[in-house]
C-alpha atoms as a PDB file:
ATOM      1  CA  MET A   1     -34.518  28.512   0.067  1.00  0.00           C
ATOM      2  CA  LYS A   2     -34.906  24.764   0.464  1.00  0.00           C
ATOM      3  CA  LEU A   3     -33.913  23.010  -2.736  1.00  0.00           C
ATOM      4  CA  SER A   4     -36.342  20.674  -4.458  1.00  0.00           C
ATOM      5  CA  LEU A   5     -35.462  17.399  -6.140  1.00  0.00           C
ATOM      6  CA  SER A   6     -35.403  19.104  -9.541  1.00  0.00           C
ATOM      7  CA  GLN A   7     -33.057  21.816  -8.254  1.00  0.00           C
ATOM      8  CA  ILE A   8     -30.736  19.230  -6.699  1.00  0.00           C
ATOM      9  CA  LYS A   9     -30.666  17.365 -10.021  1.00  0.00           C
ATOM     10  CA  GLU A  10     -29.619  20.568 -11.791  1.00  0.00           C
ATOM     11  CA  ILE A  11     -26.591  21.095  -9.532  1.00  0.00           C
ATOM     12  CA  THR A  12     -25.438  17.446  -9.372  1.00  0.00           C
ATOM     13  CA  LEU A  13     -22.338  16.312 -11.235  1.00  0.00           C
ATOM     14  CA  GLY A  14     -21.057  12.767 -11.701  1.00  0.00           C
ATOM     15  CA  ALA A  15     -24.354  10.889 -11.222  1.00  0.00           C
ATOM     16  CA  GLU A  16     -26.256   8.800 -13.761  1.00  0.00           C
ATOM     17  CA  ARG A  17     -29.470   8.509 -11.757  1.00  0.00           C
ATOM     18  CA  ILE A  18     -30.963  10.798  -9.104  1.00  0.00           C
ATOM     19  CA  PHE A  19     -34.214   9.851  -7.397  1.00  0.00           C
ATOM     20  CA  GLU A  20     -36.204  10.180  -4.182  1.00  0.00           C
ATOM     21  CA  LYS A  21     -36.605   7.279  -1.776  1.00  0.00           C
ATOM     22  CA  ASN A  22     -38.084   7.363   1.723  1.00  0.00           C
ATOM     23  CA  GLY A  23     -37.923  11.165   1.757  1.00  0.00           C
ATOM     24  CA  ALA A  24     -34.247  11.397   0.787  1.00  0.00           C
ATOM     25  CA  VAL A  25     -32.501  12.143  -2.512  1.00  0.00           C
ATOM     26  CA  CYS A  26     -30.417   9.181  -3.700  1.00  0.00           C
ATOM     27  CA  PHE A  27     -27.626   9.145  -6.264  1.00  0.00           C
ATOM     28  CA  SER A  28     -26.184   6.425  -8.503  1.00  0.00           C
ATOM     29  CA  ARG A  29     -23.122   6.748 -10.707  1.00  0.00           C
ATOM     30  CA  PHE A  30     -24.145   3.651 -12.687  1.00  0.00           C
ATOM     31  CA  THR A  31     -26.966   2.844 -15.045  1.00  0.00           C
ATOM     32  CA  GLU A  32     -29.062  -0.157 -14.064  1.00  0.00           C
ATOM     33  CA  ARG A  33     -27.240  -2.345 -16.604  1.00  0.00           C
ATOM     34  CA  GLU A  34     -23.859  -1.343 -15.196  1.00  0.00           C
ATOM     35  CA  GLU A  35     -24.948  -1.771 -11.590  1.00  0.00           C
ATOM     36  CA  ALA A  36     -26.209  -5.292 -12.363  1.00  0.00           C
ATOM     37  CA  ILE A  37     -22.614  -6.370 -13.048  1.00  0.00           C
ATOM     38  CA  TYR A  38     -21.831  -5.932  -9.335  1.00  0.00           C
ATOM     39  CA  SER A  39     -25.195  -6.730  -7.737  1.00  0.00           C
ATOM     40  CA  ALA A  40     -24.567 -10.451  -7.151  1.00  0.00           C
ATOM     41  CA  GLU A  41     -21.665  -9.921  -4.711  1.00  0.00           C
ATOM     42  CA  GLU A  42     -22.609  -8.079  -1.531  1.00  0.00           C
ATOM     43  CA  GLY A  43     -19.159  -6.558  -1.029  1.00  0.00           C
ATOM     44  CA  LYS A  44     -19.042  -5.195  -4.557  1.00  0.00           C
ATOM     45  CA  ARG A  45     -22.694  -4.110  -4.421  1.00  0.00           C
ATOM     46  CA  LEU A  46     -21.945  -1.920  -1.388  1.00  0.00           C
ATOM     47  CA  ARG A  47     -19.008  -0.372  -3.194  1.00  0.00           C
ATOM     48  CA  ALA A  48     -21.019   0.139  -6.383  1.00  0.00           C
ATOM     49  CA  VAL A  49     -23.780   2.062  -4.562  1.00  0.00           C
ATOM     50  CA  SER A  50     -21.210   4.359  -2.912  1.00  0.00           C
ATOM     51  CA  THR A  51     -20.849   7.885  -4.261  1.00  0.00           C
ATOM     52  CA  PRO A  52     -17.241   8.663  -5.350  1.00  0.00           C
ATOM     53  CA  GLY A  53     -16.857  11.562  -7.745  1.00  0.00           C
ATOM     54  CA  ILE A  54     -20.372  12.907  -7.211  1.00  0.00           C
ATOM     55  CA  SER A  55     -20.704  16.548  -6.163  1.00  0.00           C
ATOM     56  CA  LEU A  56     -23.168  19.411  -5.917  1.00  0.00           C
ATOM     57  CA  GLU A  57     -21.848  22.610  -7.513  1.00  0.00           C
ATOM     58  CA  LEU A  58     -23.555  25.973  -7.817  1.00  0.00           C
ATOM     59  CA  LYS A  59     -23.149  29.725  -7.749  1.00  0.00           C
ATOM     60  CA  THR A  60     -25.301  31.648  -5.297  1.00  0.00           C
ATOM     61  CA  ASP A  61     -25.547  34.752  -3.150  1.00  0.00           C
ATOM     62  CA  ALA A  62     -26.686  32.718  -0.123  1.00  0.00           C
ATOM     63  CA  THR A  63     -25.238  33.706   3.242  1.00  0.00           C
ATOM     64  CA  GLY A  64     -25.503  30.250   4.751  1.00  0.00           C
ATOM     65  CA  LEU A  65     -25.829  26.572   3.855  1.00  0.00           C
ATOM     66  CA  ASN A  66     -27.757  24.054   5.950  1.00  0.00           C
ATOM     67  CA  LEU A  67     -26.989  20.527   4.825  1.00  0.00           C
ATOM     68  CA  GLY A  68     -28.623  17.296   5.948  1.00  0.00           C
ATOM     69  CA  VAL A  69     -27.275  13.910   4.854  1.00  0.00           C
ATOM     70  CA  ALA A  70     -27.951  10.284   5.625  1.00  0.00           C
ATOM     71  CA  VAL A  71     -25.657   7.265   5.433  1.00  0.00           C
ATOM     72  CA  ARG A  72     -27.368   3.875   5.535  1.00  0.00           C
ATOM     73  CA  GLU A  73     -24.776   1.664   3.844  1.00  0.00           C
ATOM     74  CA  LYS A  74     -20.987   1.752   4.133  1.00  0.00           C
ATOM     75  CA  ALA A  75     -18.201   0.106   2.195  1.00  0.00           C
ATOM     76  CA  ARG A  76     -15.729   1.596   4.680  1.00  0.00           C
ATOM     77  CA  PRO A  77     -16.550   2.641   8.268  1.00  0.00           C
ATOM     78  CA  TYR A  78     -15.655   6.317   7.884  1.00  0.00           C
ATOM     79  CA  PHE A  79     -16.888   9.106   5.633  1.00  0.00           C
ATOM     80  CA  SER A  80     -16.617  12.841   5.055  1.00  0.00           C
ATOM     81  CA  VAL A  81     -18.752  15.271   3.048  1.00  0.00           C
ATOM     82  CA  GLU A  82     -16.600  18.313   2.290  1.00  0.00           C
ATOM     83  CA  VAL A  83     -17.844  21.821   1.514  1.00  0.00           C
ATOM     84  CA  PHE A  84     -15.838  24.404  -0.436  1.00  0.00           C
ATOM     85  CA  SER A  85     -16.554  28.059  -1.231  1.00  0.00           C
ATOM     86  CA  ASP A  86     -14.670  29.579  -4.173  1.00  0.00           C
ATOM     87  CA  GLY A  87     -12.226  26.688  -3.935  1.00  0.00           C
ATOM     88  CA  ALA A  88     -11.476  27.155  -0.228  1.00  0.00           C
ATOM     89  CA  TYR A  89     -12.388  24.445   2.274  1.00  0.00           C
ATOM     90  CA  ILE A  90     -14.967  25.741   4.781  1.00  0.00           C
ATOM     91  CA  GLY A  91     -15.986  22.579   6.631  1.00  0.00           C
ATOM     92  CA  GLU A  92     -17.304  19.064   6.484  1.00  0.00           C
ATOM     93  CA  ILE A  93     -19.783  16.572   7.862  1.00  0.00           C
ATOM     94  CA  LYS A  94     -17.973  13.464   9.049  1.00  0.00           C
ATOM     95  CA  ASN A  95     -18.493  10.487  11.328  1.00  0.00           C
ATOM     96  CA  TYR A  96     -14.981  10.097  12.739  1.00  0.00           C
ATOM     97  CA  PRO A  97     -13.115  12.079  15.453  1.00  0.00           C
ATOM     98  CA  ASP A  98     -10.851  15.020  14.677  1.00  0.00           C
ATOM     99  CA  ASP A  99      -7.813  13.231  16.088  1.00  0.00           C
ATOM    100  CA  LEU A 100      -8.156  10.163  13.880  1.00  0.00           C
ATOM    101  CA  PRO A 101      -4.690   9.627  12.368  1.00  0.00           C
ATOM    102  CA  ASN A 102      -4.276   9.929   8.631  1.00  0.00           C
ATOM    103  CA  GLY A 103      -3.921   6.211   8.058  1.00  0.00           C
ATOM    104  CA  ARG A 104      -3.798   3.041  10.150  1.00  0.00           C
ATOM    105  CA  TYR A 105      -7.461   3.523  10.969  1.00  0.00           C
ATOM    106  CA  PRO A 106      -8.903   1.480  13.830  1.00  0.00           C
ATOM    107  CA  ALA A 107     -11.073  -1.505  13.011  1.00  0.00           C
ATOM    108  CA  ASP A 108     -13.944  -0.085  15.071  1.00  0.00           C
ATOM    109  CA  ASP A 109     -16.961   1.075  13.111  1.00  0.00           C
ATOM    110  CA  PHE A 110     -18.070   4.713  13.095  1.00  0.00           C
ATOM    111  CA  PRO A 111     -21.745   5.651  13.177  1.00  0.00           C
ATOM    112  CA  GLY A 112     -24.039   5.933  10.203  1.00  0.00           C
ATOM    113  CA  GLY A 113     -27.493   7.478  10.244  1.00  0.00           C
ATOM    114  CA  GLU A 114     -28.519  11.104   9.808  1.00  0.00           C
ATOM    115  CA  PHE A 115     -26.261  14.147  10.119  1.00  0.00           C
ATOM    116  CA  GLU A 116     -26.873  17.897   9.834  1.00  0.00           C
ATOM    117  CA  LYS A 117     -24.584  20.906   9.835  1.00  0.00           C
ATOM    118  CA  SER A 118     -24.724  24.616   9.019  1.00  0.00           C
ATOM    119  CA  PHE A 119     -21.986  26.425   7.095  1.00  0.00           C
ATOM    120  CA  PRO A 120     -21.713  30.265   7.120  1.00  0.00           C
ATOM    121  CA  LEU A 121     -21.016  31.531   3.594  1.00  0.00           C
ATOM    122  CA  GLY A 122     -20.649  35.293   3.990  1.00  0.00           C
ATOM    123  CA  SER A 123     -21.941  37.927   1.605  1.00  0.00           C
ATOM    124  CA  GLY A 124     -21.743  38.218  -2.166  1.00  0.00           C
ATOM    125  CA  GLU A 125     -21.699  35.631  -4.911  1.00  0.00           C
ATOM    126  CA  LYS A 126     -19.660  32.514  -4.337  1.00  0.00           C
ATOM    127  CA  ARG A 127     -19.172  29.132  -5.957  1.00  0.00           C
ATOM    128  CA  ILE A 128     -20.178  26.306  -3.642  1.00  0.00           C
ATOM    129  CA  ARG A 129     -18.926  22.762  -4.102  1.00  0.00           C
ATOM    130  CA  ILE A 130     -20.095  19.838  -1.954  1.00  0.00           C
ATOM    131  CA  VAL A 131     -17.907  16.749  -2.471  1.00  0.00           C
ATOM    132  CA  PHE A 132     -19.471  13.353  -1.746  1.00  0.00           C
ATOM    133  CA  PRO A 133     -17.576  10.500  -0.067  1.00  0.00           C
ATOM    134  CA  GLY A 134     -16.411   7.518  -2.063  1.00  0.00           C
ATOM    135  CA  THR A 135     -16.648   4.978   0.732  1.00  0.00           C
ATOM    136  CA  VAL A 136     -20.370   5.087   1.628  1.00  0.00           C
ATOM    137  CA  LYS A 137     -23.769   5.500   0.025  1.00  0.00           C
ATOM    138  CA  LEU A 138     -24.639   9.135   0.670  1.00  0.00           C
ATOM    139  CA  GLU A 139     -28.226  10.422   0.594  1.00  0.00           C
ATOM    140  CA  ILE A 140     -29.294  14.048   0.846  1.00  0.00           C
ATOM    141  CA  SER A 141     -32.125  14.729   3.283  1.00  0.00           C
ATOM    142  CA  SER A 142     -32.098  18.508   2.800  1.00  0.00           C
ATOM    143  CA  VAL A 143     -30.196  21.371   1.204  1.00  0.00           C
ATOM    144  CA  GLU A 144     -31.203  24.836   2.383  1.00  0.00           C
ATOM    145  CA  LEU A 145     -29.577  28.099   1.273  1.00  0.00           C
ATOM    146  CA  GLU A 146     -30.147  30.985   3.660  1.00  0.00           C
ATOM    147  CA  GLY A 147     -30.719  34.398   2.107  1.00  0.00           C
ATOM    148  CA  ALA A 148     -30.395  33.140  -1.459  1.00  0.00           C
ATOM    149  CA  SER A 149     -32.079  35.112  -4.237  1.00  0.00           C
ATOM    150  CA  TYR A 150     -30.756  32.751  -6.937  1.00  0.00           C
ATOM    151  CA  ILE A 151     -28.822  29.574  -7.627  1.00  0.00           C
ATOM    152  CA  THR A 152     -26.950  28.890 -10.854  1.00  0.00           C
ATOM    153  CA  PRO A 153     -25.763  25.352 -11.635  1.00  0.00           C
ATOM    154  CA  VAL A 154     -22.085  24.902 -12.515  1.00  0.00           C
ATOM    155  CA  HIS A 155     -21.444  22.890 -15.669  1.00  0.00           C
ATOM    156  CA  TYR A 156     -18.233  21.784 -17.364  1.00  0.00           C
ATOM    157  CA  ASP A 157     -17.548  21.598 -21.085  1.00  0.00           C
ATOM    158  CA  LYS A 158     -15.358  18.505 -20.681  1.00  0.00           C
ATOM    159  CA  LYS A 159     -16.138  14.994 -19.391  1.00  0.00           C
ATOM    160  CA  ILE A 160     -13.828  12.275 -18.084  1.00  0.00           C
ATOM    161  CA  LEU A 161     -15.025   8.666 -17.907  1.00  0.00           C
ATOM    162  CA  ILE A 162     -13.173   6.873 -15.112  1.00  0.00           C
ATOM    163  CA  TYR A 163     -12.837   3.132 -14.578  1.00  0.00           C
ATOM    164  CA  GLY A 164     -10.885   1.431 -11.836  1.00  0.00           C
ATOM    165  CA  ASP A 165     -10.751  -0.472  -8.571  1.00  0.00           C
ATOM    166  CA  SER A 166     -10.701   0.555  -4.901  1.00  0.00           C
ATOM    167  CA  ILE A 167      -7.889   3.091  -5.265  1.00  0.00           C
ATOM    168  CA  THR A 168      -9.726   4.989  -8.001  1.00  0.00           C
ATOM    169  CA  GLN A 169     -12.871   4.739  -5.864  1.00  0.00           C
ATOM    170  CA  GLY A 170     -10.983   6.476  -3.078  1.00  0.00           C
ATOM    171  CA  PHE A 171      -9.958   3.894  -0.486  1.00  0.00           C
ATOM    172  CA  ASP A 172      -8.418   4.957   2.031  1.00  0.00           C
ATOM    173  CA  ALA A 173      -8.575   8.742   1.819  1.00  0.00           C
ATOM    174  CA  LEU A 174     -10.286  10.388   4.763  1.00  0.00           C
ATOM    175  CA  SER A 175     -10.982  13.399   2.518  1.00  0.00           C
ATOM    176  CA  PRO A 176     -12.842  12.653  -0.739  1.00  0.00           C
ATOM    177  CA  SER A 177     -11.407  15.772  -2.373  1.00  0.00           C
ATOM    178  CA  LYS A 178      -7.918  14.239  -2.033  1.00  0.00           C
ATOM    179  CA  VAL A 179      -8.623  11.206  -4.236  1.00  0.00           C
ATOM    180  CA  TYR A 180      -6.585  11.380  -7.434  1.00  0.00           C
ATOM    181  CA  ALA A 181      -9.616  10.991  -9.726  1.00  0.00           C
ATOM    182  CA  VAL A 182     -11.407  13.909  -8.060  1.00  0.00           C
ATOM    183  CA  ARG A 183      -8.316  16.113  -8.143  1.00  0.00           C
ATOM    184  CA  LEU A 184      -7.528  15.262 -11.750  1.00  0.00           C
ATOM    185  CA  CYS A 185     -11.013  16.290 -12.884  1.00  0.00           C
ATOM    186  CA  GLU A 186     -10.720  19.536 -10.943  1.00  0.00           C
ATOM    187  CA  TYR A 187      -7.257  20.182 -12.392  1.00  0.00           C
ATOM    188  CA  LEU A 188      -8.452  19.564 -15.959  1.00  0.00           C
ATOM    189  CA  GLY A 189     -11.710  21.497 -15.503  1.00  0.00           C
ATOM    190  CA  ALA A 190     -13.890  18.500 -16.300  1.00  0.00           C
ATOM    191  CA  GLU A 191     -16.857  16.602 -14.928  1.00  0.00           C
ATOM    192  CA  GLY A 192     -15.866  13.121 -13.810  1.00  0.00           C
ATOM    193  CA  ILE A 193     -18.037  10.035 -14.178  1.00  0.00           C
ATOM    194  CA  ASN A 194     -16.471   7.556 -11.764  1.00  0.00           C
ATOM    195  CA  LYS A 195     -17.226   3.876 -12.402  1.00  0.00           C
ATOM    196  CA  ALA A 196     -14.572   2.504 -10.036  1.00  0.00           C
ATOM    197  CA  VAL A 197     -15.478  -0.338  -7.672  1.00  0.00           C
ATOM    198  CA  GLY A 198     -13.281  -1.811  -4.983  1.00  0.00           C
ATOM    199  CA  GLY A 199     -12.231  -5.348  -5.811  1.00  0.00           C
ATOM    200  CA  ALA A 200     -12.960  -4.953  -9.531  1.00  0.00           C
ATOM    201  CA  VAL A 201     -10.823  -6.400 -12.308  1.00  0.00           C
ATOM    202  CA  TYR A 202     -10.571  -5.764 -16.031  1.00  0.00           C
ATOM    203  CA  ASN A 203     -14.061  -6.715 -17.246  1.00  0.00           C
ATOM    204  CA  PRO A 204     -14.937  -5.867 -20.867  1.00  0.00           C
ATOM    205  CA  ALA A 205     -18.652  -6.129 -20.017  1.00  0.00           C
ATOM    206  CA  LEU A 206     -18.531  -2.837 -18.116  1.00  0.00           C
ATOM    207  CA  PRO A 207     -17.534  -0.471 -20.963  1.00  0.00           C
ATOM    208  CA  ALA A 208     -19.678  -2.566 -23.328  1.00  0.00           C
ATOM    209  CA  ALA A 209     -22.800  -1.955 -21.214  1.00  0.00           C
ATOM    210  CA  GLU A 210     -23.212   1.737 -22.147  1.00  0.00           C
ATOM    211  CA  THR A 211     -21.923   4.386 -24.539  1.00  0.00           C
ATOM    212  CA  TYR A 212     -21.571   7.923 -23.212  1.00  0.00           C
ATOM    213  CA  ASP A 213     -21.776  11.099 -25.257  1.00  0.00           C
ATOM    214  CA  GLY A 214     -19.270  13.926 -25.100  1.00  0.00           C
ATOM    215  CA  ILE A 215     -16.400  11.989 -23.486  1.00  0.00           C
ATOM    216  CA  ASP A 216     -13.092  13.828 -23.806  1.00  0.00           C
ATOM    217  CA  CYS A 217     -10.924  11.472 -21.762  1.00  0.00           C
ATOM    218  CA  VAL A 218     -11.114   7.886 -20.478  1.00  0.00           C
ATOM    219  CA  ILE A 219      -9.092   6.588 -17.526  1.00  0.00           C
ATOM    220  CA  GLY A 220      -8.659   2.910 -16.693  1.00  0.00           C
ATOM    221  CA  ALA A 221      -6.788   1.669 -13.619  1.00  0.00           C
ATOM    222  CA  TYR A 222      -7.051  -2.042 -12.860  1.00  0.00           C
ATOM    223  CA  GLY A 223      -4.784  -5.016 -12.388  1.00  0.00           C
ATOM    224  CA  ILE A 224      -3.952  -5.537  -8.721  1.00  0.00           C
ATOM    225  CA  ASN A 225      -7.107  -7.559  -8.052  1.00  0.00           C
ATOM    226  CA  ASN A 226      -6.395  -9.743 -11.075  1.00  0.00           C
ATOM    227  CA  TRP A 227      -3.059 -10.491  -9.392  1.00  0.00           C
ATOM    228  CA  LEU A 228      -4.523 -10.978  -5.899  1.00  0.00           C
ATOM    229  CA  MET A 229      -7.114 -13.394  -7.318  1.00  0.00           C
ATOM    230  CA  ASN A 230      -4.223 -15.444  -8.729  1.00  0.00           C
ATOM    231  CA  GLN A 231      -5.427 -15.151 -12.306  1.00  0.00           C
ATOM    232  CA  ARG A 232      -3.211 -16.476 -15.039  1.00  0.00           C
ATOM    233  CA  ALA A 233      -1.269 -13.870 -17.013  1.00  0.00           C
ATOM    234  CA  GLU A 234      -3.161 -14.835 -20.172  1.00  0.00           C
ATOM    235  CA  GLU A 235      -6.497 -14.035 -18.523  1.00  0.00           C
ATOM    236  CA  LEU A 236      -5.339 -10.586 -17.469  1.00  0.00           C
ATOM    237  CA  VAL A 237      -3.860  -9.849 -20.901  1.00  0.00           C
ATOM    238  CA  ASP A 238      -6.966 -11.027 -22.766  1.00  0.00           C
ATOM    239  CA  ASN A 239      -9.482  -9.124 -20.621  1.00  0.00           C
ATOM    240  CA  CYS A 240      -7.346  -5.987 -20.520  1.00  0.00           C
ATOM    241  CA  ARG A 241      -7.055  -5.940 -24.292  1.00  0.00           C
ATOM    242  CA  LEU A 242     -10.795  -6.553 -24.820  1.00  0.00           C
ATOM    243  CA  PHE A 243     -11.559  -3.759 -22.342  1.00  0.00           C
ATOM    244  CA  TRP A 244      -9.352  -1.227 -24.105  1.00  0.00           C
ATOM    245  CA  GLU A 245     -10.459  -2.354 -27.562  1.00  0.00           C
ATOM    246  CA  GLU A 246     -13.997  -1.458 -26.510  1.00  0.00           C
ATOM    247  CA  ILE A 247     -12.850   1.930 -25.218  1.00  0.00           C
ATOM    248  CA  CYS A 248     -10.932   2.657 -28.432  1.00  0.00           C
ATOM    249  CA  ARG A 249     -13.934   1.668 -30.542  1.00  0.00           C
ATOM    250  CA  LYS A 250     -16.429   3.784 -28.607  1.00  0.00           C
ATOM    251  CA  TYR A 251     -14.274   6.841 -27.907  1.00  0.00           C
ATOM    252  CA  PRO A 252     -11.771   7.093 -30.760  1.00  0.00           C
ATOM    253  CA  SER A 253     -11.104  10.818 -30.354  1.00  0.00           C
ATOM    254  CA  ALA A 254     -10.869  10.860 -26.537  1.00  0.00           C
ATOM    255  CA  LYS A 255      -7.590  10.922 -24.647  1.00  0.00           C
ATOM    256  CA  LYS A 256      -6.984   7.514 -23.094  1.00  0.00           C
ATOM    257  CA  ILE A 257      -5.006   7.098 -19.879  1.00  0.00           C
ATOM    258  CA  LEU A 258      -4.109   3.622 -18.630  1.00  0.00           C
ATOM    259  CA  ILE A 259      -2.671   3.506 -15.105  1.00  0.00           C
ATOM    260  CA  THR A 260      -1.031   0.276 -14.005  1.00  0.00           C
ATOM    261  CA  PRO A 261      -1.119  -0.841 -10.332  1.00  0.00           C
ATOM    262  CA  ILE A 262       0.726   1.014  -7.607  1.00  0.00           C
ATOM    263  CA  TRP A 263       2.932  -0.577  -4.965  1.00  0.00           C
ATOM    264  CA  ILE A 264       1.409  -3.120  -2.594  1.00  0.00           C
ATOM    265  CA  ARG A 265       3.131  -4.313   0.578  1.00  0.00           C
ATOM    266  CA  ILE A 266       2.995  -7.982  -0.429  1.00  0.00           C
ATOM    267  CA  TRP A 267       4.280  -7.270  -3.948  1.00  0.00           C
ATOM    268  CA  GLU A 268       6.999  -9.917  -3.720  1.00  0.00           C
ATOM    269  CA  ASP A 269       4.490 -12.747  -3.250  1.00  0.00           C
ATOM    270  CA  GLU A 270       4.641 -15.103  -6.203  1.00  0.00           C
ATOM    271  CA  LYS A 271       1.282 -15.463  -7.932  1.00  0.00           C
ATOM    272  CA  ALA A 272       0.346 -17.206 -11.157  1.00  0.00           C
ATOM    273  CA  MET A 273       1.522 -14.186 -13.151  1.00  0.00           C
ATOM    274  CA  GLY A 274       4.661 -13.554 -11.072  1.00  0.00           C
ATOM    275  CA  ASN A 275       5.116 -10.832  -8.446  1.00  0.00           C
ATOM    276  CA  ALA A 276       3.245  -7.530  -8.571  1.00  0.00           C
ATOM    277  CA  SER A 277       6.141  -5.639 -10.133  1.00  0.00           C
ATOM    278  CA  GLU A 278       5.479  -7.612 -13.354  1.00  0.00           C
ATOM    279  CA  LEU A 279       1.978  -6.173 -13.810  1.00  0.00           C
ATOM    280  CA  HIS A 280       3.063  -3.066 -15.688  1.00  0.00           C
ATOM    281  CA  LYS A 281       4.811  -5.112 -18.386  1.00  0.00           C
ATOM    282  CA  LEU A 282       1.877  -7.513 -18.724  1.00  0.00           C
ATOM    283  CA  ILE A 283      -0.659  -4.714 -19.115  1.00  0.00           C
ATOM    284  CA  GLU A 284       1.617  -2.822 -21.488  1.00  0.00           C
ATOM    285  CA  LYS A 285       1.824  -5.997 -23.583  1.00  0.00           C
ATOM    286  CA  ALA A 286      -1.973  -6.378 -23.492  1.00  0.00           C
ATOM    287  CA  VAL A 287      -2.624  -3.019 -25.192  1.00  0.00           C
ATOM    288  CA  SER A 288       0.322  -3.134 -27.574  1.00  0.00           C
ATOM    289  CA  GLY A 289      -0.752  -1.789 -30.960  1.00  0.00           C
ATOM    290  CA  LEU A 290      -3.933  -0.098 -29.752  1.00  0.00           C
ATOM    291  CA  PRO A 291      -4.056   3.574 -30.757  1.00  0.00           C
ATOM    292  CA  ASP A 292      -3.400   6.631 -28.624  1.00  0.00           C
ATOM    293  CA  ILE A 293      -3.220   5.106 -25.133  1.00  0.00           C
ATOM    294  CA  THR A 294      -0.996   6.887 -22.619  1.00  0.00           C
ATOM    295  CA  ILE A 295       0.378   4.267 -20.224  1.00  0.00           C
ATOM    296  CA  ILE A 296       1.361   5.432 -16.734  1.00  0.00           C
ATOM    297  CA  ASN A 297       3.485   3.154 -14.556  1.00  0.00           C
ATOM    298  CA  GLY A 298       1.643   3.186 -11.234  1.00  0.00           C
ATOM    299  CA  TRP A 299       4.723   1.759  -9.519  1.00  0.00           C
ATOM    300  CA  GLU A 300       6.221   5.256  -9.830  1.00  0.00           C
ATOM    301  CA  LEU A 301       3.276   7.234  -8.413  1.00  0.00           C
ATOM    302  CA  VAL A 302       3.295   6.508  -4.647  1.00  0.00           C
ATOM    303  CA  PRO A 303       6.608   5.842  -2.826  1.00  0.00           C
ATOM    304  CA  PHE A 304       7.084   2.538  -1.003  1.00  0.00           C
ATOM    305  CA  ASP A 305       6.367   4.104   2.399  1.00  0.00           C
ATOM    306  CA  LYS A 306       3.755   2.534   4.671  1.00  0.00           C
ATOM    307  CA  ASN A 307       3.029   5.972   6.166  1.00  0.00           C
ATOM    308  CA  LEU A 308       1.422   6.913   2.842  1.00  0.00           C
ATOM    309  CA  TYR A 309      -1.090   4.054   2.994  1.00  0.00           C
ATOM    310  CA  GLY A 310      -4.307   4.136   5.002  1.00  0.00           C
ATOM    311  CA  ASP A 311      -4.365   0.396   5.584  1.00  0.00           C
ATOM    312  CA  VAL A 312      -0.547   0.208   5.606  1.00  0.00           C
ATOM    313  CA  THR A 313      -0.702  -2.300   2.735  1.00  0.00           C
ATOM    314  CA  THR A 314      -2.533  -1.238  -0.420  1.00  0.00           C
ATOM    315  CA  HIS A 315      -4.622   1.938  -0.341  1.00  0.00           C
ATOM    316  CA  PRO A 316      -3.190   5.470  -0.145  1.00  0.00           C
ATOM    317  CA  ASN A 317      -4.249   7.812   2.640  1.00  0.00           C
ATOM    318  CA  ASN A 318      -4.549  11.583   2.119  1.00  0.00           C
ATOM    319  CA  LEU A 319      -0.763  11.956   1.966  1.00  0.00           C
ATOM    320  CA  GLY A 320      -0.424   9.034  -0.407  1.00  0.00           C
ATOM    321  CA  PHE A 321      -3.026  10.515  -2.733  1.00  0.00           C
ATOM    322  CA  ASP A 322      -1.108  13.803  -2.724  1.00  0.00           C
ATOM    323  CA  SER A 323       1.855  11.889  -4.086  1.00  0.00           C
ATOM    324  CA  TYR A 324      -0.285   9.948  -6.550  1.00  0.00           C
ATOM    325  CA  PHE A 325      -1.848  13.088  -8.021  1.00  0.00           C
ATOM    326  CA  GLU A 326       1.331  15.174  -8.166  1.00  0.00           C
ATOM    327  CA  ASN A 327       3.340  12.424  -9.875  1.00  0.00           C
ATOM    328  CA  LEU A 328       0.484  11.590 -12.229  1.00  0.00           C
ATOM    329  CA  ILE A 329       0.313  15.204 -13.414  1.00  0.00           C
ATOM    330  CA  LEU A 330       4.055  15.253 -14.054  1.00  0.00           C
ATOM    331  CA  LYS A 331       3.870  12.047 -16.085  1.00  0.00           C
ATOM    332  CA  LEU A 332       0.816  13.088 -18.105  1.00  0.00           C
ATOM    333  CA  GLY A 333       2.466  16.269 -19.273  1.00  0.00           C
ATOM    334  CA  PHE A 334      -0.730  18.161 -20.090  1.00  0.00           C
ATOM    335  CA  ASN A 335      -3.118  20.425 -18.192  1.00  0.00           C
ATOM    336  CA  GLU A 336      -6.132  20.435 -20.469  1.00  0.00           C
ATOM    337  CA  ILE A 337      -8.155  17.991 -22.539  1.00  0.00           C
END
């Protein structure tokens, strides 16, 4: 059974737009109005067209999966498409070697283009989950289910709207399933809608651009780029407050989780707003008095250990994201929304 565009749409989670182009199925996690916010800067455009948080999920009795993907544009040189059956990892399509260390990745590029792989699934019904990478623009050239008599889309009753910068997008996890935003949605049994873009700052225009129905939780995790860009403290405070005022207005009954920046190697550098350890207090001040916002101190999520960072400076690797997720869960104190 080779899936059609309409069937792929039915089993896709985390995408706003799904369409065919040049014989491939393309996915966007932004509406056109949202995407326009990042279209003027090439670096941000590449990150905005990447596919973090998007997945294909279905139940089927298929005995095999043949998956074809294409990668034409990359925000990072590496990518992985992971496949799970009943929650167990069964394989991946990736463009980097097996012995690539988990962090300190070489500067050399890895190939893009077209990739295909077959995954044995065994007999009986199983729940298949295909997790898209957050660092490239992934297209699907074909999805074929061998021996399938049916497919049933998987849907979630809960939705999490996720805003953030490169860390929430998934830099520098080799495995997209390790990214804290992906794991948190899985843990809470919710569909995630990931609006994170590397290099982004608190921008009230983004939540103002659209209103989403059925949102049970909103996450926002910005601040380090405001600091790196040497913004004044007042600019960060003003934009952060306007951002969260918009969220509170649009989603009054949703849980709201604000995560302040994690450790960065150059944290002691003095910027216009002080060193990076001051960001938590500034952001906490910005949302003072706004209702029902849970503030998580990102400084306490990933230890100050360069071995936990893929680029050794800013972005967690797989191990760093393990720490991020486990500490975040402890600090949140809930397992459902």
